[in-house]
Amino acid sequence: MAAPCPLVLRRLQLNPAVVSVPRITTVVDGTGLAIHLLVAGAVPGLWLTSPP
């Protein structure tokens, strides 16, 4: 899916590097948010356990 994007953008006279920056930023932000939520969901369970 991502492989033909630079070819299509070049045909449209657009710089693929400039156009792909928002997409990369969105993926990085989404990944960071998912990791943050996974850790935030796991930490309260760790604090509620009593030591043996």
C-alpha atoms as a PDB file:
ATOM      1  CA  MET A   1       0.000   0.000   0.000  1.00  0.00           C
ATOM      2  CA  ALA A   2       2.765   2.472   0.861  1.00  0.00           C
ATOM      3  CA  ALA A   3       5.111   1.496  -1.965  1.00  0.00           C
ATOM      4  CA  PRO A   4       3.238   3.198  -4.835  1.00  0.00           C
ATOM      5  CA  CYS A   5       2.728   6.450  -2.893  1.00  0.00           C
ATOM      6  CA  PRO A   6       6.059   8.036  -3.894  1.00  0.00           C
ATOM      7  CA  LEU A   7       5.467   7.095  -7.523  1.00  0.00           C
ATOM      8  CA  VAL A   8       1.984   8.623  -7.545  1.00  0.00           C
ATOM      9  CA  LEU A   9       3.175  11.750  -5.765  1.00  0.00           C
ATOM     10  CA  ARG A  10       6.025  12.178  -8.232  1.00  0.00           C
ATOM     11  CA  ARG A  11       3.538  11.992 -11.114  1.00  0.00           C
ATOM     12  CA  LEU A  12       1.487  14.721  -9.413  1.00  0.00           C
ATOM     13  CA  GLN A  13       4.612  16.914  -9.220  1.00  0.00           C
ATOM     14  CA  LEU A  14       4.699  16.708  -5.406  1.00  0.00           C
ATOM     15  CA  ASN A  15       7.746  16.024  -3.292  1.00  0.00           C
ATOM     16  CA  PRO A  16       7.188  12.634  -1.583  1.00  0.00           C
ATOM     17  CA  ALA A  17       9.387  13.613   1.373  1.00  0.00           C
ATOM     18  CA  VAL A  18       7.303  16.694   2.162  1.00  0.00           C
ATOM     19  CA  VAL A  19       3.971  14.924   1.762  1.00  0.00           C
ATOM     20  CA  SER A  20       4.925  11.897   3.882  1.00  0.00           C
ATOM     21  CA  VAL A  21       5.978  13.916   6.962  1.00  0.00           C
ATOM     22  CA  PRO A  22       2.410  14.362   8.339  1.00  0.00           C
ATOM     23  CA  ARG A  23       1.737  10.658   7.843  1.00  0.00           C
ATOM     24  CA  ILE A  24       4.915   9.666   9.700  1.00  0.00           C
ATOM     25  CA  THR A  25       4.103  12.110  12.505  1.00  0.00           C
ATOM     26  CA  THR A  26       0.608  10.664  12.840  1.00  0.00           C
ATOM     27  CA  VAL A  27       1.919   7.095  13.051  1.00  0.00           C
ATOM     28  CA  VAL A  28       4.532   8.040  15.653  1.00  0.00           C
ATOM     29  CA  ASP A  29       1.993   9.967  17.758  1.00  0.00           C
ATOM     30  CA  GLY A  30      -0.528   7.131  17.547  1.00  0.00           C
ATOM     31  CA  THR A  31       2.062   4.569  18.571  1.00  0.00           C
ATOM     32  CA  GLY A  32       3.167   6.702  21.518  1.00  0.00           C
ATOM     33  CA  LEU A  33      -0.423   7.152  22.643  1.00  0.00           C
ATOM     34  CA  ALA A  34      -1.095   3.405  22.425  1.00  0.00           C
ATOM     35  CA  ILE A  35       2.024   2.602  24.469  1.00  0.00           C
ATOM     36  CA  HIS A  36       1.082   5.260  27.029  1.00  0.00           C
ATOM     37  CA  LEU A  37      -2.422   3.839  27.424  1.00  0.00           C
ATOM     38  CA  LEU A  38      -1.150   0.259  27.707  1.00  0.00           C
ATOM     39  CA  VAL A  39       1.315   1.226  30.432  1.00  0.00           C
ATOM     40  CA  ALA A  40      -1.295   3.363  32.217  1.00  0.00           C
ATOM     41  CA  GLY A  41      -3.673   0.416  32.202  1.00  0.00           C
ATOM     42  CA  ALA A  42      -1.066  -2.027  33.515  1.00  0.00           C
ATOM     43  CA  VAL A  43       0.420   0.094  36.328  1.00  0.00           C
ATOM     44  CA  PRO A  44      -2.633   0.260  38.650  1.00  0.00           C
ATOM     45  CA  GLY A  45      -2.788  -3.534  38.642  1.00  0.00           C
ATOM     46  CA  LEU A  46       0.817  -3.655  39.798  1.00  0.00           C
ATOM     47  CA  TRP A  47       0.186  -1.232  42.668  1.00  0.00           C
ATOM     48  CA  LEU A  48      -2.866  -3.058  43.981  1.00  0.00           C
ATOM     49  CA  THR A  49      -1.127  -6.388  44.491  1.00  0.00           C
ATOM     50  CA  SER A  50       0.006  -7.101  48.024  1.00  0.00           C
ATOM     51  CA  PRO A  51       3.504  -8.450  48.681  1.00  0.00           C
ATOM     52  CA  PRO A  52       3.772 -12.154  49.593  1.00  0.00           C
END
